[in-house]
Amino acid sequence: MVLTSKTAVRSRFPGTCARVRCFSAAFTLLELLPVVAVIAILAGLLLPVLARARASAAAASCLNNTRQLTLGWLLYADQSNDHLVYNLGLDKRQPVPPANRDLNWVNNVMSWELDSDNTNLAFVAKSPLSPLIGASADVFLCPADHVVSAVQQGAGWTRRVRSYSMNAMVGDAGPNVQAGGNILNPGYRQYLRLSDVDSPTSTFVILDEHPDSIGDGYFYNTIYDRQWVHLPASYHGGAANFSFADGHAESHRWQSALIRPPARPDVTTLPQPVTPADLADYYWVAYRSSARR
C-alpha cells in the first residue's frame, strides 16, 4: 500500500499536522495590527469621556462639601442661640494673632512652604463645625485640589488639607467688627446672627478658593473700592462652588479669564484692582457677600 504524502508525514512525524493546524490558526502580525489600531482609536475616544466623567464627579463632590459645611454652620447657629460661628482673619503676618483662634471655624493658615498648617489635620478636630458634620477631614477638601509647591512636592506632599473659605462678612470677625460693620468693608453689614442675614438665598457662606490666595480661610474683597484681595477657585471647568445661608449650594462659572488663573503657586499678585473685563464677576461675588448698612 502506497501512503499519501499526508499519511507519510503522519507516520514519520507523529503530531506534526496537529502542530501545523495550531500554528495556522494563530493570528499573524498583519492581522493583529488592525486590532491594535482599533483599540487605540477606541481608547482615544473613551479617555476624554472618562476624564470629563471624573471632573464632573469631583465637581459634584465639591458642591456637596460646601453644602455639608453650611449645614454644619446652620446647626451651630441653631445650637448657639442664633449666634454664627467665629470667622476670624488669621493671617500669620499679623503681629498678634487673635486669642480665640481655636474657637474659629478653622484655625490653620496655609502657605507654599513646609508649615505644619498645610498638612496637620488637628484643625478638623478643633473646628466648632466638626462634630456637626461627622468630623470628616474630607469635607474640608475639594477632590480637584491637588495643588502643592515645588518645595512641598519635594518633601513628598501630594496635597494640602483645606480648599474652602468662609465669607468674611458672616460670623464674628473679632477685632475687625466695629459698630456693626467690618473695618475691611465699611458701609457693609457684618452678620453676627443668623437672623441678621436679610437675604439668605443670596448671601454666600462657603466657597472653594483659589489655592494661591486661600491662606486662613477668611475670604474677603474690598467692596467699597473694587479690589480683589482673594480669588475664588475655578477648578471645575472655570467655575467655583458656593453654598448659601439658606442651605443651598450652586456652581458659578466665571466670565473673565482674569479670575481664572491656573491653579498653581504664586500665579497671582494680590490685591489687584478690578478691571472692566472682570467687573461682572466681581459684582456677582460682592452682591452676594453682604448688604449695605
Protein backbone atom coordinates (compact mmCIF):
# COMPACT_ATOMS: atom_id res chain seq x y z
CA MET A 1 0.00 0.00 0.00
CA VAL A 2 1.39 3.37 -1.03
CA LEU A 3 1.00 6.09 1.54
CA THR A 4 -0.12 9.57 0.50
CA SER A 5 2.22 12.36 1.37
CA LYS A 6 -0.05 13.44 4.23
CA THR A 7 -0.16 9.91 5.61
CA ALA A 8 3.58 9.61 5.24
CA VAL A 9 4.14 12.76 7.23
CA ARG A 10 1.88 11.48 9.98
CA SER A 11 3.75 8.17 10.07
CA ARG A 12 7.20 9.65 10.17
CA PHE A 13 6.41 12.65 12.40
CA PRO A 14 3.50 11.89 14.71
CA GLY A 15 1.62 15.06 15.82
CA THR A 16 3.17 17.24 13.13
CA CYS A 17 -0.11 18.07 11.41
CA ALA A 18 -1.75 18.89 14.71
CA ARG A 19 1.01 21.37 15.38
CA VAL A 20 0.68 22.81 11.90
CA ARG A 21 -3.04 23.24 12.38
CA CYS A 22 -2.46 25.08 15.70
CA PHE A 23 0.09 27.33 14.08
CA SER A 24 -2.13 28.14 11.13
CA ALA A 25 -4.99 29.08 13.49
CA ALA A 26 -2.88 31.75 15.26
CA PHE A 27 -3.00 35.49 14.42
CA THR A 28 -0.30 36.88 12.20
CA LEU A 29 1.30 40.25 12.86
CA LEU A 30 -0.54 41.76 9.92
CA GLU A 31 -3.82 40.55 11.36
CA LEU A 32 -3.05 41.95 14.81
CA LEU A 33 -2.13 45.43 13.61
CA PRO A 34 -5.69 46.45 12.63
CA VAL A 35 -6.95 45.15 16.00
CA VAL A 36 -4.38 47.22 17.87
CA ALA A 37 -5.28 50.26 15.77
CA VAL A 38 -8.98 49.86 16.55
CA ILE A 39 -8.24 49.54 20.28
CA ALA A 40 -6.09 52.68 20.15
CA ILE A 41 -8.86 54.61 18.40
CA LEU A 42 -11.45 53.46 20.95
CA ALA A 43 -9.13 54.40 23.81
CA GLY A 44 -8.61 57.83 22.27
CA LEU A 45 -12.37 58.31 22.10
CA LEU A 46 -13.09 56.98 25.58
CA LEU A 47 -10.32 58.67 27.59
CA PRO A 48 -11.71 62.21 27.19
CA VAL A 49 -15.16 60.90 28.14
CA LEU A 50 -13.73 59.27 31.26
CA ALA A 51 -11.79 62.43 32.11
CA ARG A 52 -14.96 64.51 31.83
CA ALA A 53 -16.82 62.00 33.98
CA ARG A 54 -14.12 62.21 36.67
CA ALA A 55 -14.19 66.01 36.53
CA SER A 56 -17.99 66.03 36.86
CA ALA A 57 -17.79 63.67 39.83
CA ALA A 58 -15.18 65.90 41.52
CA ALA A 59 -17.33 68.99 40.94
CA ALA A 60 -20.41 67.26 42.38
CA SER A 61 -18.44 66.08 45.42
CA CYS A 62 -17.05 69.60 45.98
CA LEU A 63 -20.54 71.09 45.73
CA ASN A 64 -21.75 68.59 48.31
CA ASN A 65 -18.85 69.53 50.62
CA THR A 66 -19.81 73.20 50.55
CA ARG A 67 -23.39 72.21 51.32
CA GLN A 68 -22.31 69.99 54.23
CA LEU A 69 -20.16 72.73 55.74
CA THR A 70 -23.05 75.18 55.53
CA LEU A 71 -25.47 72.73 57.10
CA GLY A 72 -22.99 72.47 59.99
CA TRP A 73 -22.85 76.26 60.07
CA LEU A 74 -26.66 76.42 60.32
CA LEU A 75 -26.75 73.77 63.03
CA TYR A 76 -24.15 75.69 65.01
CA ALA A 77 -26.34 78.81 64.94
CA ASP A 78 -29.36 76.74 65.95
CA GLN A 79 -27.47 75.41 68.98
CA SER A 80 -25.87 78.77 69.86
CA ASN A 81 -28.89 80.98 70.36
CA ASP A 82 -28.70 82.26 66.74
CA HIS A 83 -25.03 83.30 67.00
CA LEU A 84 -22.87 82.44 64.00
CA VAL A 85 -19.58 80.61 64.36
CA TYR A 86 -16.40 82.67 64.73
CA ASN A 87 -14.88 83.65 61.39
CA LEU A 88 -11.54 85.36 62.03
CA GLY A 89 -8.74 86.59 59.84
CA LEU A 90 -5.71 84.60 61.00
CA ASP A 91 -3.06 85.87 58.61
CA LYS A 92 0.35 84.98 60.06
CA ARG A 93 1.61 88.42 59.09
CA GLN A 94 -0.49 89.88 61.88
CA PRO A 95 1.80 90.78 64.81
CA VAL A 96 -0.66 89.40 67.37
CA PRO A 97 -2.92 86.52 66.33
CA PRO A 98 -6.43 86.56 67.82
CA ALA A 99 -6.51 84.99 71.28
CA ASN A 100 -9.62 82.99 70.38
CA ARG A 101 -8.08 81.39 67.29
CA ASP A 102 -9.12 77.88 68.33
CA LEU A 103 -12.75 79.00 68.51
CA ASN A 104 -12.63 79.80 64.81
CA TRP A 105 -14.37 77.62 62.22
CA VAL A 106 -10.84 76.76 61.01
CA ASN A 107 -7.56 77.72 62.67
CA ASN A 108 -4.96 76.77 60.07
CA VAL A 109 -3.16 79.25 57.80
CA MET A 110 -1.85 77.62 54.65
CA SER A 111 1.16 78.63 52.58
CA TRP A 112 3.51 77.25 49.91
CA GLU A 113 6.18 76.46 52.49
CA LEU A 114 6.60 73.39 54.72
CA ASP A 115 4.49 74.84 57.54
CA SER A 116 2.61 72.22 59.52
CA ASP A 117 -0.71 74.03 58.98
CA ASN A 118 -0.63 72.72 55.40
CA THR A 119 -0.83 69.08 56.44
CA ASN A 120 -1.88 68.99 60.10
CA LEU A 121 -5.47 67.76 60.42
CA ALA A 122 -5.79 68.93 64.03
CA PHE A 123 -7.84 71.90 62.83
CA VAL A 124 -10.61 69.47 61.85
CA ALA A 125 -10.94 68.19 65.40
CA LYS A 126 -10.89 71.72 66.83
CA SER A 127 -13.37 73.23 64.39
CA PRO A 128 -16.70 74.01 66.09
CA LEU A 129 -18.37 72.70 62.94
CA SER A 130 -16.57 69.36 63.09
CA PRO A 131 -18.97 67.45 65.38
CA LEU A 132 -21.88 68.74 63.32
CA ILE A 133 -20.54 67.36 60.03
CA GLY A 134 -19.27 63.99 61.22
CA ALA A 135 -15.68 65.12 62.00
CA SER A 136 -14.67 64.29 58.43
CA ALA A 137 -11.47 65.82 57.09
CA ASP A 138 -12.58 65.08 53.52
CA VAL A 139 -15.40 67.64 53.81
CA PHE A 140 -12.80 70.42 54.01
CA LEU A 141 -11.04 69.38 50.79
CA CYS A 142 -12.14 69.70 47.16
CA PRO A 143 -11.36 66.44 45.26
CA ALA A 144 -9.96 68.51 42.37
CA ASP A 145 -7.46 70.33 44.60
CA HIS A 146 -4.07 68.63 44.39
CA VAL A 147 -2.00 71.82 44.22
CA VAL A 148 1.34 71.90 46.05
CA SER A 149 4.50 73.94 45.56
CA ALA A 150 7.80 72.58 44.28
CA VAL A 151 9.27 72.51 47.78
CA GLN A 152 6.19 70.71 49.11
CA GLN A 153 6.29 68.21 46.28
CA GLY A 154 9.97 67.64 47.01
CA ALA A 155 9.02 66.78 50.59
CA GLY A 156 6.63 64.12 49.30
CA TRP A 157 3.41 66.08 49.74
CA THR A 158 0.58 65.41 47.29
CA ARG A 159 -1.96 67.94 48.58
CA ARG A 160 -2.77 70.35 51.38
CA VAL A 161 -5.63 69.92 53.83
CA ARG A 162 -8.21 72.58 53.01
CA SER A 163 -9.82 74.02 49.87
CA TYR A 164 -12.63 76.11 51.34
CA SER A 165 -13.02 79.54 52.87
CA MET A 166 -15.87 81.41 54.54
CA ASN A 167 -17.36 84.73 53.52
CA ALA A 168 -15.66 87.28 55.81
CA MET A 169 -18.95 89.15 56.26
CA VAL A 170 -20.67 86.30 58.10
CA GLY A 171 -19.80 85.41 61.68
CA ASP A 172 -17.94 87.14 64.48
CA ALA A 173 -14.75 88.51 62.92
CA GLY A 174 -13.28 89.60 66.26
CA PRO A 175 -11.45 92.96 66.22
CA ASN A 176 -12.47 93.56 62.60
CA VAL A 177 -16.06 94.11 63.77
CA GLN A 178 -16.76 97.66 64.83
CA ALA A 179 -20.16 99.33 65.26
CA GLY A 180 -21.99 96.53 63.47
CA GLY A 181 -19.73 96.56 60.43
CA ASN A 182 -16.41 95.19 59.25
CA ILE A 183 -13.49 97.62 59.10
CA LEU A 184 -12.35 95.90 55.91
CA ASN A 185 -15.65 96.82 54.26
CA PRO A 186 -17.03 99.96 55.88
CA GLY A 187 -20.59 100.65 54.90
CA TYR A 188 -21.50 96.96 54.65
CA ARG A 189 -23.16 94.74 57.22
CA GLN A 190 -21.37 92.13 59.31
CA TYR A 191 -23.78 89.29 60.02
CA LEU A 192 -23.27 88.13 63.60
CA ARG A 193 -26.55 86.22 63.98
CA LEU A 194 -28.37 84.04 61.54
CA SER A 195 -31.43 86.26 61.84
CA ASP A 196 -29.29 89.23 60.74
CA VAL A 197 -28.97 87.75 57.25
CA ASP A 198 -31.77 89.52 55.44
CA SER A 199 -31.35 87.63 52.16
CA PRO A 200 -30.18 84.09 53.00
CA THR A 201 -30.84 82.77 49.48
CA SER A 202 -28.34 85.24 48.01
CA THR A 203 -25.72 85.53 50.78
CA PHE A 204 -22.93 83.00 50.37
CA VAL A 205 -21.22 81.30 53.29
CA ILE A 206 -18.65 78.83 51.91
CA LEU A 207 -16.75 78.74 48.61
CA ASP A 208 -13.79 76.90 47.17
CA GLU A 209 -11.00 79.48 46.98
CA HIS A 210 -8.07 79.73 44.58
CA PRO A 211 -5.12 77.85 46.14
CA ASP A 212 -2.83 80.87 45.77
CA SER A 213 -4.98 83.09 47.99
CA ILE A 214 -6.74 80.71 50.39
CA GLY A 215 -4.44 81.28 53.37
CA ASP A 216 -6.54 81.50 56.51
CA GLY A 217 -9.97 80.61 55.14
CA TYR A 218 -11.24 84.19 55.59
CA PHE A 219 -12.47 85.27 52.15
CA TYR A 220 -12.97 88.97 51.59
CA ASN A 221 -12.66 91.59 48.89
CA THR A 222 -12.85 95.34 49.40
CA ILE A 223 -16.31 96.08 48.10
CA TYR A 224 -16.07 99.85 48.50
CA ASP A 225 -13.00 100.36 46.26
CA ARG A 226 -13.36 97.32 43.97
CA GLN A 227 -10.27 95.25 44.69
CA TRP A 228 -9.66 91.53 44.52
CA VAL A 229 -7.95 90.63 47.78
CA HIS A 230 -8.85 86.95 47.47
CA LEU A 231 -9.82 84.99 44.38
CA PRO A 232 -12.44 82.25 44.12
CA ALA A 233 -11.35 78.94 42.66
CA SER A 234 -12.02 77.77 39.11
CA TYR A 235 -11.22 74.06 39.41
CA HIS A 236 -14.46 72.94 37.80
CA GLY A 237 -14.31 73.96 34.18
CA GLY A 238 -13.78 77.62 35.06
CA ALA A 239 -16.38 77.56 37.84
CA ALA A 240 -16.40 77.76 41.64
CA ASN A 241 -18.85 76.24 44.09
CA PHE A 242 -20.76 78.36 46.60
CA SER A 243 -23.13 77.49 49.42
CA PHE A 244 -25.63 79.97 50.81
CA ALA A 245 -27.15 80.93 54.14
CA ASP A 246 -30.41 79.14 53.35
CA GLY A 247 -28.51 75.85 52.94
CA HIS A 248 -28.50 75.52 49.15
CA ALA A 249 -25.34 75.26 47.03
CA GLU A 250 -24.64 76.17 43.43
CA SER A 251 -21.82 76.35 40.92
CA HIS A 252 -20.92 79.63 39.22
CA ARG A 253 -18.85 79.89 36.04
CA TRP A 254 -16.58 82.94 35.67
CA GLN A 255 -16.76 85.09 32.57
CA SER A 256 -13.32 86.66 32.71
CA ALA A 257 -10.03 84.80 32.32
CA LEU A 258 -8.51 87.29 34.78
CA ILE A 259 -10.07 85.43 37.70
CA ARG A 260 -9.41 82.02 36.22
CA PRO A 261 -5.63 81.87 36.61
CA PRO A 262 -4.02 78.42 36.63
CA ALA A 263 -4.28 76.54 39.91
CA ARG A 264 -0.63 76.72 40.93
CA PRO A 265 1.58 78.54 43.44
CA ASP A 266 2.48 82.22 43.11
CA VAL A 267 0.43 82.74 39.96
CA THR A 268 -1.38 85.84 41.26
CA THR A 269 -0.35 89.22 42.59
CA LEU A 270 -2.91 90.27 45.15
CA PRO A 271 -4.51 92.60 45.93
CA GLN A 272 -5.31 93.61 42.37
CA PRO A 273 -7.76 96.22 41.10
CA VAL A 274 -10.92 95.16 39.33
CA THR A 275 -10.82 95.88 35.60
CA PRO A 276 -13.73 96.34 33.17
CA ALA A 277 -13.10 92.79 31.92
CA ASP A 278 -13.78 91.17 35.30
CA LEU A 279 -16.27 93.69 36.67
CA ALA A 280 -19.30 91.41 36.15
CA ASP A 281 -17.59 88.58 38.04
CA TYR A 282 -16.57 90.94 40.84
CA TYR A 283 -20.08 92.27 41.31
CA TRP A 284 -21.50 88.76 41.29
CA VAL A 285 -19.35 87.98 44.35
CA ALA A 286 -19.73 91.39 46.02
CA TYR A 287 -23.53 91.44 45.82
CA ARG A 288 -23.62 88.03 47.50
CA SER A 289 -21.17 88.93 50.26
CA SER A 290 -23.15 91.50 52.23
CA ALA A 291 -25.71 94.29 52.04
CA ARG A 292 -25.24 97.99 52.62
CA ARG A 293 -25.79 99.19 56.17
